[in-house]
Amino acid sequence: MQTLVSPRLNNRTQHQRGPGIAADFPVQQIFSSHHARTTRAVRVADDGITLVRMPDDTFIRYVWLSFTLPGTNEVIRALGEMQGSSGELGYTRIRFKHIFPDHRTRLLRFLDAHRPTYH
């Protein structure tokens, strides 16, 4: 099983992942070569992303995601596995199933730079 934590980036293990961060940026969901749409991220973490649920959402197990990290030109592409959605809250949780190693490194650096620090 491949984890999303790069051993070269730091010494965190999968069980030591930091919490996600609040987000507000566009995410393209690519379902097929002829079907894609854009929604918004509300939270992003090492292991997945939470998106605004679209009114016409139907359960599809896997979806390709493409997004640019805010304040950067760094594009992240990942295969996501739908974990379910909250109809009342209007969100869909997607776990990263596959993320390219260089994209994983970009994402982890971004998260590390934007997580609150406690002293």
PDB file of N, CA and C in Angstrom:
ATOM      1  N   MET A   1       0.836  -1.176   0.000  1.00  0.00           N
ATOM      2  CA  MET A   1       0.000   0.000   0.000  1.00  0.00           C
ATOM      3  C   MET A   1       0.880   1.238   0.000  1.00  0.00           C
ATOM      4  N   GLN A   2       0.621   2.133  -0.905  1.00  0.00           N
ATOM      5  CA  GLN A   2       1.392   3.361  -1.006  1.00  0.00           C
ATOM      6  C   GLN A   2       0.742   4.432  -0.147  1.00  0.00           C
ATOM      7  N   THR A   3       1.558   5.116   0.657  1.00  0.00           N
ATOM      8  CA  THR A   3       1.020   6.201   1.465  1.00  0.00           C
ATOM      9  C   THR A   3       1.252   7.518   0.752  1.00  0.00           C
ATOM     10  N   LEU A   4       0.603   8.538   1.218  1.00  0.00           N
ATOM     11  CA  LEU A   4       0.748   9.857   0.617  1.00  0.00           C
ATOM     12  C   LEU A   4       1.880  10.647   1.240  1.00  0.00           C
ATOM     13  N   VAL A   5       2.519  10.102   2.251  1.00  0.00           N
ATOM     14  CA  VAL A   5       3.574  10.829   2.933  1.00  0.00           C
ATOM     15  C   VAL A   5       4.911  10.439   2.336  1.00  0.00           C
ATOM     16  N   SER A   6       5.637  11.404   1.855  1.00  0.00           N
ATOM     17  CA  SER A   6       6.936  11.156   1.253  1.00  0.00           C
ATOM     18  C   SER A   6       7.998  11.048   2.334  1.00  0.00           C
ATOM     19  N   PRO A   7       8.689   9.895   2.449  1.00  0.00           N
ATOM     20  CA  PRO A   7       9.722   9.776   3.468  1.00  0.00           C
ATOM     21  C   PRO A   7      10.858  10.770   3.242  1.00  0.00           C
ATOM     22  N   ARG A   8      11.049  11.196   1.999  1.00  0.00           N
ATOM     23  CA  ARG A   8      12.108  12.159   1.716  1.00  0.00           C
ATOM     24  C   ARG A   8      11.747  13.550   2.211  1.00  0.00           C
ATOM     25  N   LEU A   9      10.454  13.841   2.304  1.00  0.00           N
ATOM     26  CA  LEU A   9      10.031  15.180   2.691  1.00  0.00           C
ATOM     27  C   LEU A   9      10.184  15.401   4.192  1.00  0.00           C
ATOM     28  N   ASN A  10       9.811  14.431   4.970  1.00  0.00           N
ATOM     29  CA  ASN A  10       9.978  14.527   6.419  1.00  0.00           C
ATOM     30  C   ASN A  10       9.809  13.142   7.015  1.00  0.00           C
ATOM     31  N   ASN A  11       9.823  13.049   8.329  1.00  0.00           N
ATOM     32  CA  ASN A  11       9.785  11.748   8.985  1.00  0.00           C
ATOM     33  C   ASN A  11       8.402  11.355   9.479  1.00  0.00           C
ATOM     34  N   ARG A  12       7.359  12.024   9.023  1.00  0.00           N
ATOM     35  CA  ARG A  12       6.012  11.667   9.463  1.00  0.00           C
ATOM     36  C   ARG A  12       5.635  10.291   8.923  1.00  0.00           C
ATOM     37  N   THR A  13       4.883   9.557   9.706  1.00  0.00           N
ATOM     38  CA  THR A  13       4.320   8.301   9.215  1.00  0.00           C
ATOM     39  C   THR A  13       2.866   8.554   8.878  1.00  0.00           C
ATOM     40  N   GLN A  14       2.235   7.566   8.303  1.00  0.00           N
ATOM     41  CA  GLN A  14       0.835   7.737   7.933  1.00  0.00           C
ATOM     42  C   GLN A  14      -0.012   8.083   9.158  1.00  0.00           C
ATOM     43  N   HIS A  15       0.338   7.552  10.324  1.00  0.00           N
ATOM     44  CA  HIS A  15      -0.443   7.815  11.528  1.00  0.00           C
ATOM     45  C   HIS A  15      -0.118   9.163  12.154  1.00  0.00           C
ATOM     46  N   GLN A  16       0.899   9.848  11.648  1.00  0.00           N
ATOM     47  CA  GLN A  16       1.294  11.134  12.204  1.00  0.00           C
ATOM     48  C   GLN A  16       0.940  12.281  11.273  1.00  0.00           C
ATOM     49  N   ARG A  17       0.095  12.044  10.297  1.00  0.00           N
ATOM     50  CA  ARG A  17      -0.290  13.114   9.377  1.00  0.00           C
ATOM     51  C   ARG A  17      -0.906  14.255  10.156  1.00  0.00           C
ATOM     52  N   GLY A  18      -0.625  15.451   9.681  1.00  0.00           N
ATOM     53  CA  GLY A  18      -1.229  16.621  10.302  1.00  0.00           C
ATOM     54  C   GLY A  18      -2.665  16.764   9.846  1.00  0.00           C
ATOM     55  N   PRO A  19      -3.409  17.608  10.548  1.00  0.00           N
ATOM     56  CA  PRO A  19      -4.799  17.831  10.154  1.00  0.00           C
ATOM     57  C   PRO A  19      -4.869  18.600   8.846  1.00  0.00           C
ATOM     58  N   GLY A  20      -5.990  18.521   8.214  1.00  0.00           N
ATOM     59  CA  GLY A  20      -6.187  19.281   6.988  1.00  0.00           C
ATOM     60  C   GLY A  20      -6.373  20.758   7.295  1.00  0.00           C
ATOM     61  N   ILE A  21      -6.506  21.523   6.246  1.00  0.00           N
ATOM     62  CA  ILE A  21      -6.705  22.961   6.399  1.00  0.00           C
ATOM     63  C   ILE A  21      -7.962  23.378   5.643  1.00  0.00           C
ATOM     64  N   ALA A  22      -8.583  24.442   6.112  1.00  0.00           N
ATOM     65  CA  ALA A  22      -9.738  24.998   5.409  1.00  0.00           C
ATOM     66  C   ALA A  22      -9.274  25.490   4.046  1.00  0.00           C
ATOM     67  N   ALA A  23     -10.145  25.395   3.069  1.00  0.00           N
ATOM     68  CA  ALA A  23      -9.763  25.760   1.704  1.00  0.00           C
ATOM     69  C   ALA A  23     -10.933  26.429   0.999  1.00  0.00           C
ATOM     70  N   ASP A  24     -10.597  27.140  -0.050  1.00  0.00           N
ATOM     71  CA  ASP A  24     -11.619  27.725  -0.924  1.00  0.00           C
ATOM     72  C   ASP A  24     -10.965  27.972  -2.276  1.00  0.00           C
ATOM     73  N   PHE A  25     -10.960  26.931  -3.121  1.00  0.00           N
ATOM     74  CA  PHE A  25     -10.386  27.042  -4.459  1.00  0.00           C
ATOM     75  C   PHE A  25     -11.103  26.069  -5.390  1.00  0.00           C
ATOM     76  N   PRO A  26     -11.071  26.349  -6.702  1.00  0.00           N
ATOM     77  CA  PRO A  26     -11.761  25.475  -7.655  1.00  0.00           C
ATOM     78  C   PRO A  26     -11.039  24.141  -7.837  1.00  0.00           C
ATOM     79  N   VAL A  27     -11.825  23.096  -8.015  1.00  0.00           N
ATOM     80  CA  VAL A  27     -11.308  21.752  -8.277  1.00  0.00           C
ATOM     81  C   VAL A  27     -12.075  21.189  -9.462  1.00  0.00           C
ATOM     82  N   GLN A  28     -11.342  20.726 -10.453  1.00  0.00           N
ATOM     83  CA  GLN A  28     -11.989  20.084 -11.594  1.00  0.00           C
ATOM     84  C   GLN A  28     -12.114  18.598 -11.300  1.00  0.00           C
ATOM     85  N   GLN A  29     -13.325  18.075 -11.429  1.00  0.00           N
ATOM     86  CA  GLN A  29     -13.597  16.649 -11.301  1.00  0.00           C
ATOM     87  C   GLN A  29     -13.718  16.095 -12.716  1.00  0.00           C
ATOM     88  N   ILE A  30     -12.881  15.111 -13.050  1.00  0.00           N
ATOM     89  CA  ILE A  30     -12.868  14.541 -14.395  1.00  0.00           C
ATOM     90  C   ILE A  30     -13.392  13.113 -14.299  1.00  0.00           C
ATOM     91  N   PHE A  31     -14.582  12.900 -14.829  1.00  0.00           N
ATOM     92  CA  PHE A  31     -15.226  11.594 -14.759  1.00  0.00           C
ATOM     93  C   PHE A  31     -14.900  10.732 -15.970  1.00  0.00           C
ATOM     94  N   SER A  32     -14.713  11.364 -17.127  1.00  0.00           N
ATOM     95  CA  SER A  32     -14.359  10.663 -18.364  1.00  0.00           C
ATOM     96  C   SER A  32     -13.811  11.700 -19.328  1.00  0.00           C
ATOM     97  N   SER A  33     -13.412  11.263 -20.503  1.00  0.00           N
ATOM     98  CA  SER A  33     -12.872  12.212 -21.480  1.00  0.00           C
ATOM     99  C   SER A  33     -13.938  13.189 -21.972  1.00  0.00           C
ATOM    100  N   HIS A  34     -15.208  12.881 -21.726  1.00  0.00           N
ATOM    101  CA  HIS A  34     -16.300  13.749 -22.176  1.00  0.00           C
ATOM    102  C   HIS A  34     -17.115  14.355 -21.038  1.00  0.00           C
ATOM    103  N   HIS A  35     -16.732  14.066 -19.805  1.00  0.00           N
ATOM    104  CA  HIS A  35     -17.537  14.549 -18.681  1.00  0.00           C
ATOM    105  C   HIS A  35     -16.630  15.050 -17.561  1.00  0.00           C
ATOM    106  N   ALA A  36     -16.622  16.359 -17.385  1.00  0.00           N
ATOM    107  CA  ALA A  36     -15.872  16.999 -16.300  1.00  0.00           C
ATOM    108  C   ALA A  36     -16.684  18.181 -15.800  1.00  0.00           C
ATOM    109  N   ARG A  37     -16.416  18.571 -14.587  1.00  0.00           N
ATOM    110  CA  ARG A  37     -17.077  19.750 -14.034  1.00  0.00           C
ATOM    111  C   ARG A  37     -16.188  20.339 -12.943  1.00  0.00           C
ATOM    112  N   THR A  38     -16.499  21.578 -12.596  1.00  0.00           N
ATOM    113  CA  THR A  38     -15.720  22.270 -11.578  1.00  0.00           C
ATOM    114  C   THR A  38     -16.587  22.521 -10.353  1.00  0.00           C
ATOM    115  N   THR A  39     -16.009  22.260  -9.190  1.00  0.00           N
ATOM    116  CA  THR A  39     -16.652  22.546  -7.912  1.00  0.00           C
ATOM    117  C   THR A  39     -15.619  23.258  -7.045  1.00  0.00           C
ATOM    118  N   ARG A  40     -15.872  23.390  -5.755  1.00  0.00           N
ATOM    119  CA  ARG A  40     -14.947  24.101  -4.876  1.00  0.00           C
ATOM    120  C   ARG A  40     -14.528  23.209  -3.717  1.00  0.00           C
ATOM    121  N   ALA A  41     -13.257  23.339  -3.338  1.00  0.00           N
ATOM    122  CA  ALA A  41     -12.738  22.644  -2.159  1.00  0.00           C
ATOM    123  C   ALA A  41     -13.081  23.460  -0.921  1.00  0.00           C
ATOM    124  N   VAL A  42     -13.426  22.765   0.163  1.00  0.00           N
ATOM    125  CA  VAL A  42     -13.652  23.439   1.443  1.00  0.00           C
ATOM    126  C   VAL A  42     -12.633  22.998   2.487  1.00  0.00           C
ATOM    127  N   ARG A  43     -11.949  21.881   2.222  1.00  0.00           N
ATOM    128  CA  ARG A  43     -10.913  21.374   3.127  1.00  0.00           C
ATOM    129  C   ARG A  43      -9.992  20.487   2.317  1.00  0.00           C
ATOM    130  N   VAL A  44      -8.687  20.575   2.609  1.00  0.00           N
ATOM    131  CA  VAL A  44      -7.713  19.715   1.948  1.00  0.00           C
ATOM    132  C   VAL A  44      -6.750  19.189   3.006  1.00  0.00           C
ATOM    133  N   ALA A  45      -6.376  17.919   2.855  1.00  0.00           N
ATOM    134  CA  ALA A  45      -5.477  17.257   3.796  1.00  0.00           C
ATOM    135  C   ALA A  45      -4.519  16.371   3.014  1.00  0.00           C
ATOM    136  N   ASP A  46      -3.595  15.755   3.741  1.00  0.00           N
ATOM    137  CA  ASP A  46      -2.618  14.866   3.120  1.00  0.00           C
ATOM    138  C   ASP A  46      -3.285  13.698   2.406  1.00  0.00           C
ATOM    139  N   ASP A  47      -4.405  13.241   2.956  1.00  0.00           N
ATOM    140  CA  ASP A  47      -5.025  12.018   2.455  1.00  0.00           C
ATOM    141  C   ASP A  47      -6.287  12.235   1.633  1.00  0.00           C
ATOM    142  N   GLY A  48      -6.712  13.490   1.471  1.00  0.00           N
ATOM    143  CA  GLY A  48      -7.919  13.697   0.684  1.00  0.00           C
ATOM    144  C   GLY A  48      -8.396  15.133   0.699  1.00  0.00           C
ATOM    145  N   ILE A  49      -9.584  15.316   0.159  1.00  0.00           N
ATOM    146  CA  ILE A  49     -10.130  16.654  -0.028  1.00  0.00           C
ATOM    147  C   ILE A  49     -11.641  16.598   0.183  1.00  0.00           C
ATOM    148  N   THR A  50     -12.207  17.675   0.690  1.00  0.00           N
ATOM    149  CA  THR A  50     -13.653  17.788   0.842  1.00  0.00           C
ATOM    150  C   THR A  50     -14.136  18.857  -0.122  1.00  0.00           C
ATOM    151  N   LEU A  51     -15.134  18.502  -0.917  1.00  0.00           N
ATOM    152  CA  LEU A  51     -15.645  19.391  -1.956  1.00  0.00           C
ATOM    153  C   LEU A  51     -17.089  19.777  -1.683  1.00  0.00           C
ATOM    154  N   VAL A  52     -17.483  20.921  -2.234  1.00  0.00           N
ATOM    155  CA  VAL A  52     -18.888  21.310  -2.201  1.00  0.00           C
ATOM    156  C   VAL A  52     -19.648  20.297  -3.051  1.00  0.00           C
ATOM    157  N   ARG A  53     -20.699  19.754  -2.496  1.00  0.00           N
ATOM    158  CA  ARG A  53     -21.505  18.747  -3.195  1.00  0.00           C
ATOM    159  C   ARG A  53     -22.356  19.433  -4.252  1.00  0.00           C
ATOM    160  N   MET A  54     -22.347  18.866  -5.444  1.00  0.00           N
ATOM    161  CA  MET A  54     -23.134  19.418  -6.543  1.00  0.00           C
ATOM    162  C   MET A  54     -24.559  18.866  -6.468  1.00  0.00           C
ATOM    163  N   PRO A  55     -25.565  19.648  -6.887  1.00  0.00           N
ATOM    164  CA  PRO A  55     -26.960  19.203  -6.802  1.00  0.00           C
ATOM    165  C   PRO A  55     -27.229  17.898  -7.551  1.00  0.00           C
ATOM    166  N   ASP A  56     -26.509  17.665  -8.640  1.00  0.00           N
ATOM    167  CA  ASP A  56     -26.755  16.461  -9.444  1.00  0.00           C
ATOM    168  C   ASP A  56     -25.773  15.338  -9.122  1.00  0.00           C
ATOM    169  N   ASP A  57     -25.124  15.396  -7.951  1.00  0.00           N
ATOM    170  CA  ASP A  57     -24.159  14.357  -7.590  1.00  0.00           C
ATOM    171  C   ASP A  57     -24.818  12.985  -7.549  1.00  0.00           C
ATOM    172  N   THR A  58     -24.191  12.063  -8.229  1.00  0.00           N
ATOM    173  CA  THR A  58     -24.543  10.658  -8.112  1.00  0.00           C
ATOM    174  C   THR A  58     -23.290   9.960  -7.634  1.00  0.00           C
ATOM    175  N   PHE A  59     -23.449   8.815  -7.014  1.00  0.00           N
ATOM    176  CA  PHE A  59     -22.277   8.145  -6.467  1.00  0.00           C
ATOM    177  C   PHE A  59     -21.479   7.485  -7.579  1.00  0.00           C
ATOM    178  N   ILE A  60     -20.276   7.981  -7.765  1.00  0.00           N
ATOM    179  CA  ILE A  60     -19.296   7.386  -8.669  1.00  0.00           C
ATOM    180  C   ILE A  60     -18.102   7.071  -7.790  1.00  0.00           C
ATOM    181  N   ARG A  61     -17.571   5.873  -7.887  1.00  0.00           N
ATOM    182  CA  ARG A  61     -16.529   5.476  -6.942  1.00  0.00           C
ATOM    183  C   ARG A  61     -15.231   6.244  -7.124  1.00  0.00           C
ATOM    184  N   TYR A  62     -14.746   6.394  -8.366  1.00  0.00           N
ATOM    185  CA  TYR A  62     -13.459   7.047  -8.604  1.00  0.00           C
ATOM    186  C   TYR A  62     -13.622   8.264  -9.504  1.00  0.00           C
ATOM    187  N   VAL A  63     -12.786   9.270  -9.268  1.00  0.00           N
ATOM    188  CA  VAL A  63     -12.804  10.480 -10.079  1.00  0.00           C
ATOM    189  C   VAL A  63     -11.387  11.062 -10.102  1.00  0.00           C
ATOM    190  N   TRP A  64     -10.978  11.544 -11.259  1.00  0.00           N
ATOM    191  CA  TRP A  64      -9.711  12.270 -11.341  1.00  0.00           C
ATOM    192  C   TRP A  64      -9.961  13.698 -10.902  1.00  0.00           C
ATOM    193  N   LEU A  65      -9.032  14.254 -10.149  1.00  0.00           N
ATOM    194  CA  LEU A  65      -9.120  15.624  -9.661  1.00  0.00           C
ATOM    195  C   LEU A  65      -7.939  16.419 -10.185  1.00  0.00           C
ATOM    196  N   SER A  66      -8.180  17.672 -10.488  1.00  0.00           N
ATOM    197  CA  SER A  66      -7.112  18.572 -10.911  1.00  0.00           C
ATOM    198  C   SER A  66      -7.374  19.931 -10.275  1.00  0.00           C
ATOM    199  N   PHE A  67      -6.361  20.453  -9.583  1.00  0.00           N
ATOM    200  CA  PHE A  67      -6.514  21.763  -8.953  1.00  0.00           C
ATOM    201  C   PHE A  67      -5.162  22.440  -8.816  1.00  0.00           C
ATOM    202  N   THR A  68      -5.210  23.763  -8.748  1.00  0.00           N
ATOM    203  CA  THR A  68      -4.008  24.564  -8.548  1.00  0.00           C
ATOM    204  C   THR A  68      -3.991  25.019  -7.100  1.00  0.00           C
ATOM    205  N   LEU A  69      -2.863  24.805  -6.439  1.00  0.00           N
ATOM    206  CA  LEU A  69      -2.743  25.222  -5.048  1.00  0.00           C
ATOM    207  C   LEU A  69      -2.812  26.744  -4.961  1.00  0.00           C
ATOM    208  N   PRO A  70      -3.634  27.285  -4.079  1.00  0.00           N
ATOM    209  CA  PRO A  70      -3.793  28.738  -3.974  1.00  0.00           C
ATOM    210  C   PRO A  70      -2.461  29.451  -3.739  1.00  0.00           C
ATOM    211  N   GLY A  71      -2.289  30.560  -4.441  1.00  0.00           N
ATOM    212  CA  GLY A  71      -1.079  31.355  -4.287  1.00  0.00           C
ATOM    213  C   GLY A  71       0.132  30.793  -5.003  1.00  0.00           C
ATOM    214  N   THR A  72      -0.070  29.722  -5.775  1.00  0.00           N
ATOM    215  CA  THR A  72       1.035  29.101  -6.512  1.00  0.00           C
ATOM    216  C   THR A  72       0.567  28.821  -7.938  1.00  0.00           C
ATOM    217  N   ASN A  73       1.483  28.360  -8.748  1.00  0.00           N
ATOM    218  CA  ASN A  73       1.142  27.863 -10.088  1.00  0.00           C
ATOM    219  C   ASN A  73       1.225  26.343 -10.118  1.00  0.00           C
ATOM    220  N   GLU A  74       1.252  25.720  -8.944  1.00  0.00           N
ATOM    221  CA  GLU A  74       1.462  24.281  -8.856  1.00  0.00           C
ATOM    222  C   GLU A  74       0.144  23.519  -8.987  1.00  0.00           C
ATOM    223  N   VAL A  75       0.067  22.745 -10.047  1.00  0.00           N
ATOM    224  CA  VAL A  75      -1.126  21.940 -10.320  1.00  0.00           C
ATOM    225  C   VAL A  75      -0.960  20.581  -9.658  1.00  0.00           C
ATOM    226  N   ILE A  76      -2.025  20.124  -9.026  1.00  0.00           N
ATOM    227  CA  ILE A  76      -2.061  18.801  -8.413  1.00  0.00           C
ATOM    228  C   ILE A  76      -3.078  17.973  -9.183  1.00  0.00           C
ATOM    229  N   ARG A  77      -2.673  16.771  -9.553  1.00  0.00           N
ATOM    230  CA  ARG A  77      -3.592  15.815 -10.181  1.00  0.00           C
ATOM    231  C   ARG A  77      -3.582  14.550  -9.337  1.00  0.00           C
ATOM    232  N   ALA A  78      -4.776  14.057  -9.048  1.00  0.00           N
ATOM    233  CA  ALA A  78      -4.887  12.879  -8.195  1.00  0.00           C
ATOM    234  C   ALA A  78      -6.116  12.080  -8.584  1.00  0.00           C
ATOM    235  N   LEU A  79      -6.028  10.777  -8.382  1.00  0.00           N
ATOM    236  CA  LEU A  79      -7.194   9.917  -8.511  1.00  0.00           C
ATOM    237  C   LEU A  79      -7.838   9.850  -7.141  1.00  0.00           C
ATOM    238  N   GLY A  80      -9.113  10.186  -7.081  1.00  0.00           N
ATOM    239  CA  GLY A  80      -9.809  10.191  -5.806  1.00  0.00           C
ATOM    240  C   GLY A  80     -10.847   9.096  -5.728  1.00  0.00           C
ATOM    241  N   GLU A  81     -11.056   8.604  -4.520  1.00  0.00           N
ATOM    242  CA  GLU A  81     -12.102   7.620  -4.256  1.00  0.00           C
ATOM    243  C   GLU A  81     -13.160   8.290  -3.382  1.00  0.00           C
ATOM    244  N   MET A  82     -14.378   8.323  -3.884  1.00  0.00           N
ATOM    245  CA  MET A  82     -15.468   8.943  -3.137  1.00  0.00           C
ATOM    246  C   MET A  82     -15.683   8.183  -1.830  1.00  0.00           C
ATOM    247  N   GLN A  83     -15.735   8.920  -0.745  1.00  0.00           N
ATOM    248  CA  GLN A  83     -15.951   8.317   0.567  1.00  0.00           C
ATOM    249  C   GLN A  83     -17.367   8.541   1.061  1.00  0.00           C
ATOM    250  N   GLY A  84     -18.128   9.284   0.306  1.00  0.00           N
ATOM    251  CA  GLY A  84     -19.506   9.556   0.695  1.00  0.00           C
ATOM    252  C   GLY A  84     -19.750  11.046   0.746  1.00  0.00           C
ATOM    253  N   SER A  85     -21.004  11.396   0.938  1.00  0.00           N
ATOM    254  CA  SER A  85     -21.338  12.813   0.985  1.00  0.00           C
ATOM    255  C   SER A  85     -22.368  13.058   2.067  1.00  0.00           C
ATOM    256  N   SER A  86     -22.408  14.290   2.474  1.00  0.00           N
ATOM    257  CA  SER A  86     -23.368  14.711   3.474  1.00  0.00           C
ATOM    258  C   SER A  86     -24.412  15.573   2.787  1.00  0.00           C
ATOM    259  N   GLY A  87     -25.572  15.018   2.590  1.00  0.00           N
ATOM    260  CA  GLY A  87     -26.635  15.759   1.927  1.00  0.00           C
ATOM    261  C   GLY A  87     -27.047  17.011   2.680  1.00  0.00           C
ATOM    262  N   GLU A  88     -27.115  16.898   4.028  1.00  0.00           N
ATOM    263  CA  GLU A  88     -27.532  18.051   4.822  1.00  0.00           C
ATOM    264  C   GLU A  88     -26.499  19.169   4.759  1.00  0.00           C
ATOM    265  N   LEU A  89     -25.232  18.813   4.811  1.00  0.00           N
ATOM    266  CA  LEU A  89     -24.176  19.821   4.832  1.00  0.00           C
ATOM    267  C   LEU A  89     -23.732  20.226   3.437  1.00  0.00           C
ATOM    268  N   GLY A  90     -23.989  19.378   2.450  1.00  0.00           N
ATOM    269  CA  GLY A  90     -23.645  19.716   1.081  1.00  0.00           C
ATOM    270  C   GLY A  90     -22.193  19.511   0.711  1.00  0.00           C
ATOM    271  N   TYR A  91     -21.536  18.519   1.336  1.00  0.00           N
ATOM    272  CA  TYR A  91     -20.126  18.255   1.058  1.00  0.00           C
ATOM    273  C   TYR A  91     -19.909  16.816   0.624  1.00  0.00           C
ATOM    274  N   THR A  92     -18.854  16.609  -0.173  1.00  0.00           N
ATOM    275  CA  THR A  92     -18.436  15.275  -0.586  1.00  0.00           C
ATOM    276  C   THR A  92     -16.987  15.083  -0.173  1.00  0.00           C
ATOM    277  N   ARG A  93     -16.700  13.996   0.527  1.00  0.00           N
ATOM    278  CA  ARG A  93     -15.339  13.673   0.970  1.00  0.00           C
ATOM    279  C   ARG A  93     -14.724  12.718  -0.042  1.00  0.00           C
ATOM    280  N   ILE A  94     -13.503  13.043  -0.494  1.00  0.00           N
ATOM    281  CA  ILE A  94     -12.792  12.214  -1.461  1.00  0.00           C
ATOM    282  C   ILE A  94     -11.415  11.889  -0.898  1.00  0.00           C
ATOM    283  N   ARG A  95     -11.094  10.604  -0.853  1.00  0.00           N
ATOM    284  CA  ARG A  95      -9.777  10.151  -0.391  1.00  0.00           C
ATOM    285  C   ARG A  95      -8.868  10.031  -1.596  1.00  0.00           C
ATOM    286  N   PHE A  96      -7.623  10.522  -1.463  1.00  0.00           N
ATOM    287  CA  PHE A  96      -6.668  10.364  -2.555  1.00  0.00           C
ATOM    288  C   PHE A  96      -6.268   8.900  -2.659  1.00  0.00           C
ATOM    289  N   LYS A  97      -6.565   8.297  -3.796  1.00  0.00           N
ATOM    290  CA  LYS A  97      -6.216   6.900  -4.057  1.00  0.00           C
ATOM    291  C   LYS A  97      -4.836   6.824  -4.698  1.00  0.00           C
ATOM    292  N   HIS A  98      -4.560   7.745  -5.616  1.00  0.00           N
ATOM    293  CA  HIS A  98      -3.243   7.834  -6.262  1.00  0.00           C
ATOM    294  C   HIS A  98      -2.925   9.300  -6.492  1.00  0.00           C
ATOM    295  N   ILE A  99      -1.715   9.667  -6.148  1.00  0.00           N
ATOM    296  CA  ILE A  99      -1.239  11.014  -6.418  1.00  0.00           C
ATOM    297  C   ILE A  99       0.214  10.882  -6.852  1.00  0.00           C
ATOM    298  N   PHE A 100       0.568  11.522  -7.938  1.00  0.00           N
ATOM    299  CA  PHE A 100       1.919  11.400  -8.472  1.00  0.00           C
ATOM    300  C   PHE A 100       2.929  11.895  -7.440  1.00  0.00           C
ATOM    301  N   PRO A 101       4.097  11.249  -7.333  1.00  0.00           N
ATOM    302  CA  PRO A 101       5.064  11.602  -6.280  1.00  0.00           C
ATOM    303  C   PRO A 101       5.435  13.083  -6.232  1.00  0.00           C
ATOM    304  N   ASP A 102       5.684  13.706  -7.377  1.00  0.00           N
ATOM    305  CA  ASP A 102       6.045  15.130  -7.338  1.00  0.00           C
ATOM    306  C   ASP A 102       4.847  15.991  -6.934  1.00  0.00           C
ATOM    307  N   HIS A 103       3.645  15.569  -7.271  1.00  0.00           N
ATOM    308  CA  HIS A 103       2.444  16.299  -6.860  1.00  0.00           C
ATOM    309  C   HIS A 103       2.226  16.128  -5.355  1.00  0.00           C
ATOM    310  N   ARG A 104       2.496  14.932  -4.846  1.00  0.00           N
ATOM    311  CA  ARG A 104       2.385  14.664  -3.409  1.00  0.00           C
ATOM    312  C   ARG A 104       3.332  15.576  -2.634  1.00  0.00           C
ATOM    313  N   THR A 105       4.563  15.700  -3.126  1.00  0.00           N
ATOM    314  CA  THR A 105       5.543  16.560  -2.467  1.00  0.00           C
ATOM    315  C   THR A 105       5.068  18.009  -2.455  1.00  0.00           C
ATOM    316  N   ARG A 106       4.534  18.483  -3.578  1.00  0.00           N
ATOM    317  CA  ARG A 106       3.995  19.854  -3.650  1.00  0.00           C
ATOM    318  C   ARG A 106       2.870  20.056  -2.637  1.00  0.00           C
ATOM    319  N   LEU A 107       1.954  19.087  -2.586  1.00  0.00           N
ATOM    320  CA  LEU A 107       0.817  19.194  -1.679  1.00  0.00           C
ATOM    321  C   LEU A 107       1.276  19.219  -0.227  1.00  0.00           C
ATOM    322  N   LEU A 108       2.185  18.331   0.141  1.00  0.00           N
ATOM    323  CA  LEU A 108       2.658  18.281   1.521  1.00  0.00           C
ATOM    324  C   LEU A 108       3.377  19.561   1.915  1.00  0.00           C
ATOM    325  N   ARG A 109       4.172  20.100   1.016  1.00  0.00           N
ATOM    326  CA  ARG A 109       4.851  21.376   1.309  1.00  0.00           C
ATOM    327  C   ARG A 109       3.827  22.492   1.517  1.00  0.00           C
ATOM    328  N   PHE A 110       2.823  22.520   0.664  1.00  0.00           N
ATOM    329  CA  PHE A 110       1.769  23.533   0.783  1.00  0.00           C
ATOM    330  C   PHE A 110       1.052  23.402   2.128  1.00  0.00           C
ATOM    331  N   LEU A 111       0.664  22.184   2.482  1.00  0.00           N
ATOM    332  CA  LEU A 111      -0.038  21.967   3.745  1.00  0.00           C
ATOM    333  C   LEU A 111       0.833  22.337   4.936  1.00  0.00           C
ATOM    334  N   ASP A 112       2.092  21.925   4.909  1.00  0.00           N
ATOM    335  CA  ASP A 112       3.004  22.256   6.009  1.00  0.00           C
ATOM    336  C   ASP A 112       3.155  23.765   6.167  1.00  0.00           C
ATOM    337  N   ALA A 113       3.167  24.489   5.060  1.00  0.00           N
ATOM    338  CA  ALA A 113       3.328  25.949   5.104  1.00  0.00           C
ATOM    339  C   ALA A 113       2.061  26.657   5.588  1.00  0.00           C
ATOM    340  N   HIS A 114       0.902  26.016   5.470  1.00  0.00           N
ATOM    341  CA  HIS A 114      -0.361  26.679   5.799  1.00  0.00           C
ATOM    342  C   HIS A 114      -1.044  26.162   7.057  1.00  0.00           C
ATOM    343  N   ARG A 115      -0.479  25.147   7.677  1.00  0.00           N
ATOM    344  CA  ARG A 115      -1.062  24.660   8.930  1.00  0.00           C
ATOM    345  C   ARG A 115      -0.716  25.627  10.052  1.00  0.00           C
ATOM    346  N   PRO A 116      -1.640  25.832  10.978  1.00  0.00           N
ATOM    347  CA  PRO A 116      -1.310  26.701  12.112  1.00  0.00           C
ATOM    348  C   PRO A 116      -0.225  26.056  12.969  1.00  0.00           C
ATOM    349  N   THR A 117       0.629  26.882  13.525  1.00  0.00           N
ATOM    350  CA  THR A 117       1.667  26.375  14.426  1.00  0.00           C
ATOM    351  C   THR A 117       1.297  26.760  15.850  1.00  0.00           C
ATOM    352  N   TYR A 118       1.547  25.848  16.754  1.00  0.00           N
ATOM    353  CA  TYR A 118       1.235  26.077  18.165  1.00  0.00           C
ATOM    354  C   TYR A 118       2.528  26.050  18.949  1.00  0.00           C
ATOM    355  N   HIS A 119       2.693  27.010  19.831  1.00  0.00           N
ATOM    356  CA  HIS A 119       3.925  27.088  20.640  1.00  0.00           C
ATOM    357  C   HIS A 119       3.633  26.776  22.079  1.00  0.00           C
TER     358      HIS A 119
END
